[in-house]
């Protein structure tokens, strides 16, 4: 198995991920004031356990129909 570490300058295509696996806003809760702050992200991010599972133009067995959660190394 080949392991790849993504660096900050790499990009991935959102078409390979299911809806809800990418983040377009960041939210922060300030405990001292009880406020919830939210702001749009300049560049969308992937959720921690996001796994590419949609591969257009490939045989259907390459695309996962179930939600798969990535295991920690």
N, C-alpha and C. Protein backbone atom coordinates (compact mmCIF):
# COMPACT_ATOMS: atom_id res chain seq x y z
N UNK A 1 0.84 -1.17 0.00
CA UNK A 1 0.00 0.00 0.00
C UNK A 1 0.89 1.24 0.00
N UNK A 2 0.57 2.18 -0.86
CA UNK A 2 1.32 3.43 -0.94
C UNK A 2 0.61 4.47 -0.08
N UNK A 3 1.37 5.12 0.78
CA UNK A 3 0.79 6.17 1.62
C UNK A 3 1.22 7.52 1.07
N UNK A 4 0.29 8.44 1.06
CA UNK A 4 0.57 9.77 0.55
C UNK A 4 0.15 10.79 1.59
N UNK A 5 1.01 11.72 1.88
CA UNK A 5 0.68 12.80 2.81
C UNK A 5 0.39 14.04 1.98
N UNK A 6 -0.82 14.58 2.13
CA UNK A 6 -1.19 15.78 1.39
C UNK A 6 -0.61 16.99 2.09
N UNK A 7 0.00 17.83 1.34
CA UNK A 7 0.56 19.07 1.84
C UNK A 7 -0.41 20.21 1.54
N UNK A 8 -0.16 21.38 2.10
CA UNK A 8 -1.08 22.50 1.95
C UNK A 8 -1.26 22.95 0.51
N UNK A 9 -0.31 22.69 -0.37
CA UNK A 9 -0.40 23.17 -1.74
C UNK A 9 -1.04 22.17 -2.70
N UNK A 10 -1.46 21.00 -2.21
CA UNK A 10 -2.15 20.03 -3.05
C UNK A 10 -3.64 20.36 -3.10
N UNK A 11 -4.30 19.92 -4.14
CA UNK A 11 -5.74 20.14 -4.28
C UNK A 11 -6.41 18.83 -4.65
N UNK A 12 -7.66 18.70 -4.26
CA UNK A 12 -8.46 17.54 -4.62
C UNK A 12 -9.75 18.04 -5.26
N UNK A 13 -10.36 17.22 -6.08
CA UNK A 13 -11.58 17.59 -6.79
C UNK A 13 -12.79 17.19 -5.95
N UNK A 14 -13.68 18.15 -5.71
CA UNK A 14 -14.85 17.88 -4.87
C UNK A 14 -15.83 16.90 -5.52
N UNK A 15 -15.70 16.66 -6.83
CA UNK A 15 -16.60 15.71 -7.51
C UNK A 15 -16.38 14.27 -7.04
N UNK A 16 -15.27 13.98 -6.39
CA UNK A 16 -14.98 12.62 -5.94
C UNK A 16 -15.49 12.34 -4.53
N UNK A 17 -16.11 13.34 -3.90
CA UNK A 17 -16.58 13.18 -2.52
C UNK A 17 -18.09 13.34 -2.45
N UNK A 18 -18.71 12.62 -1.53
CA UNK A 18 -20.15 12.70 -1.35
C UNK A 18 -20.53 14.04 -0.73
N UNK A 19 -21.81 14.42 -0.91
CA UNK A 19 -22.30 15.65 -0.31
C UNK A 19 -22.12 15.59 1.20
N UNK A 20 -21.70 16.68 1.77
CA UNK A 20 -21.52 16.74 3.22
C UNK A 20 -20.12 16.39 3.69
N UNK A 21 -19.24 15.97 2.79
CA UNK A 21 -17.87 15.63 3.19
C UNK A 21 -16.91 16.80 3.04
N UNK A 22 -17.42 17.92 2.53
CA UNK A 22 -16.57 19.09 2.43
C UNK A 22 -17.18 20.23 3.26
N UNK A 23 -16.31 21.08 3.75
CA UNK A 23 -16.73 22.21 4.58
C UNK A 23 -16.56 23.51 3.82
N UNK A 24 -17.60 24.33 3.83
CA UNK A 24 -17.55 25.63 3.17
C UNK A 24 -17.57 26.78 4.18
N UNK A 25 -17.87 26.46 5.44
CA UNK A 25 -17.90 27.45 6.52
C UNK A 25 -17.18 26.87 7.73
N UNK A 26 -16.63 27.75 8.54
CA UNK A 26 -16.01 27.34 9.79
C UNK A 26 -16.79 27.99 10.92
N UNK A 27 -17.00 27.23 11.99
CA UNK A 27 -17.78 27.72 13.12
C UNK A 27 -16.94 27.61 14.38
N UNK A 28 -17.06 28.62 15.23
CA UNK A 28 -16.31 28.67 16.48
C UNK A 28 -17.25 29.11 17.59
N UNK A 29 -17.21 28.42 18.72
CA UNK A 29 -18.03 28.78 19.87
C UNK A 29 -17.15 29.43 20.92
N UNK A 30 -17.48 30.66 21.30
CA UNK A 30 -16.74 31.41 22.31
C UNK A 30 -17.41 31.17 23.65
N UNK A 31 -16.77 30.38 24.52
CA UNK A 31 -17.36 30.02 25.80
C UNK A 31 -17.55 31.21 26.73
N UNK A 32 -16.65 32.18 26.69
CA UNK A 32 -16.75 33.31 27.61
C UNK A 32 -17.95 34.21 27.30
N UNK A 33 -18.31 34.34 26.03
CA UNK A 33 -19.45 35.20 25.68
C UNK A 33 -20.69 34.39 25.31
N UNK A 34 -20.53 33.11 25.05
CA UNK A 34 -21.66 32.27 24.65
C UNK A 34 -22.04 32.47 23.19
N UNK A 35 -21.20 33.16 22.44
CA UNK A 35 -21.48 33.42 21.03
C UNK A 35 -20.95 32.31 20.14
N UNK A 36 -21.67 32.06 19.06
CA UNK A 36 -21.20 31.16 18.02
C UNK A 36 -20.88 32.02 16.81
N UNK A 37 -19.63 31.97 16.38
CA UNK A 37 -19.18 32.75 15.24
C UNK A 37 -19.02 31.81 14.04
N UNK A 38 -19.41 32.28 12.87
CA UNK A 38 -19.32 31.47 11.67
C UNK A 38 -18.81 32.36 10.53
N UNK A 39 -17.94 31.80 9.70
CA UNK A 39 -17.39 32.55 8.58
C UNK A 39 -17.18 31.62 7.40
N UNK A 40 -17.37 32.13 6.18
CA UNK A 40 -17.12 31.30 5.00
C UNK A 40 -15.62 31.07 4.83
N UNK A 41 -15.27 29.90 4.33
CA UNK A 41 -13.87 29.58 4.05
C UNK A 41 -13.51 30.08 2.66
N UNK A 42 -12.33 30.62 2.51
CA UNK A 42 -11.87 31.09 1.21
C UNK A 42 -11.70 29.90 0.26
N UNK A 43 -11.18 28.80 0.79
CA UNK A 43 -11.01 27.56 0.05
C UNK A 43 -11.71 26.45 0.83
N UNK A 44 -12.64 25.71 0.20
CA UNK A 44 -13.32 24.62 0.92
C UNK A 44 -12.32 23.59 1.45
N UNK A 45 -12.67 22.98 2.58
CA UNK A 45 -11.83 21.93 3.18
C UNK A 45 -12.62 20.63 3.25
N UNK A 46 -11.89 19.53 3.37
CA UNK A 46 -12.53 18.23 3.55
C UNK A 46 -12.69 17.95 5.03
N UNK A 47 -13.77 17.24 5.38
CA UNK A 47 -13.92 16.79 6.76
C UNK A 47 -12.82 15.79 7.07
N UNK A 48 -12.58 15.58 8.35
CA UNK A 48 -11.45 14.75 8.79
C UNK A 48 -11.48 13.34 8.21
N UNK A 49 -12.64 12.70 8.17
CA UNK A 49 -12.71 11.31 7.71
C UNK A 49 -13.20 11.17 6.27
N UNK A 50 -13.09 12.23 5.47
CA UNK A 50 -13.56 12.17 4.09
C UNK A 50 -12.67 11.25 3.26
N UNK A 51 -13.32 10.41 2.45
CA UNK A 51 -12.61 9.46 1.60
C UNK A 51 -13.18 9.59 0.19
N UNK A 52 -12.35 9.74 -0.84
CA UNK A 52 -12.89 9.80 -2.20
C UNK A 52 -13.64 8.51 -2.52
N UNK A 53 -14.87 8.65 -3.01
CA UNK A 53 -15.67 7.45 -3.26
C UNK A 53 -16.50 7.54 -4.54
N UNK A 54 -16.35 8.61 -5.31
CA UNK A 54 -17.08 8.76 -6.57
C UNK A 54 -16.05 8.91 -7.69
N UNK A 55 -16.07 7.97 -8.63
CA UNK A 55 -15.11 7.99 -9.72
C UNK A 55 -15.87 7.93 -11.05
N UNK A 56 -16.13 9.09 -11.62
CA UNK A 56 -16.89 9.18 -12.86
C UNK A 56 -16.08 8.60 -14.02
N UNK A 57 -16.76 7.89 -14.91
CA UNK A 57 -16.09 7.31 -16.07
C UNK A 57 -15.39 6.00 -15.78
N UNK A 58 -15.48 5.50 -14.56
CA UNK A 58 -14.86 4.22 -14.19
C UNK A 58 -15.95 3.20 -13.93
N UNK A 59 -15.62 1.92 -13.90
CA UNK A 59 -16.62 0.90 -13.57
C UNK A 59 -17.28 1.21 -12.22
N UNK A 60 -18.54 0.83 -12.07
CA UNK A 60 -19.30 1.18 -10.87
C UNK A 60 -18.70 0.59 -9.59
N UNK A 61 -17.97 -0.52 -9.68
CA UNK A 61 -17.41 -1.09 -8.45
C UNK A 61 -16.30 -0.22 -7.87
N UNK A 62 -15.78 0.74 -8.62
CA UNK A 62 -14.81 1.69 -8.06
C UNK A 62 -15.48 2.72 -7.16
N UNK A 63 -16.74 3.03 -7.44
CA UNK A 63 -17.46 4.02 -6.64
C UNK A 63 -18.19 3.32 -5.51
N UNK A 64 -17.99 3.82 -4.30
CA UNK A 64 -18.59 3.21 -3.12
C UNK A 64 -20.01 3.75 -2.92
N UNK A 65 -20.95 2.86 -2.67
CA UNK A 65 -22.32 3.30 -2.41
C UNK A 65 -22.60 3.43 -0.93
N UNK A 66 -21.71 2.93 -0.10
CA UNK A 66 -21.88 3.04 1.35
C UNK A 66 -20.91 4.06 1.91
N UNK A 67 -21.25 4.59 3.05
CA UNK A 67 -20.39 5.56 3.70
C UNK A 67 -19.22 4.83 4.32
N UNK A 68 -18.02 5.15 3.90
CA UNK A 68 -16.83 4.51 4.47
C UNK A 68 -16.08 5.50 5.32
N UNK A 69 -15.66 5.07 6.49
CA UNK A 69 -14.92 5.93 7.40
C UNK A 69 -13.48 5.44 7.42
N UNK A 70 -12.61 6.35 7.27
CA UNK A 70 -11.18 6.04 7.21
C UNK A 70 -10.66 5.67 8.58
N UNK A 71 -9.84 4.64 8.66
CA UNK A 71 -9.24 4.24 9.93
C UNK A 71 -7.94 5.00 10.16
N UNK A 72 -7.66 5.29 11.41
CA UNK A 72 -6.42 5.95 11.76
C UNK A 72 -5.25 4.99 11.56
N UNK A 73 -4.10 5.52 11.10
CA UNK A 73 -2.95 4.63 10.87
C UNK A 73 -2.38 4.06 12.17
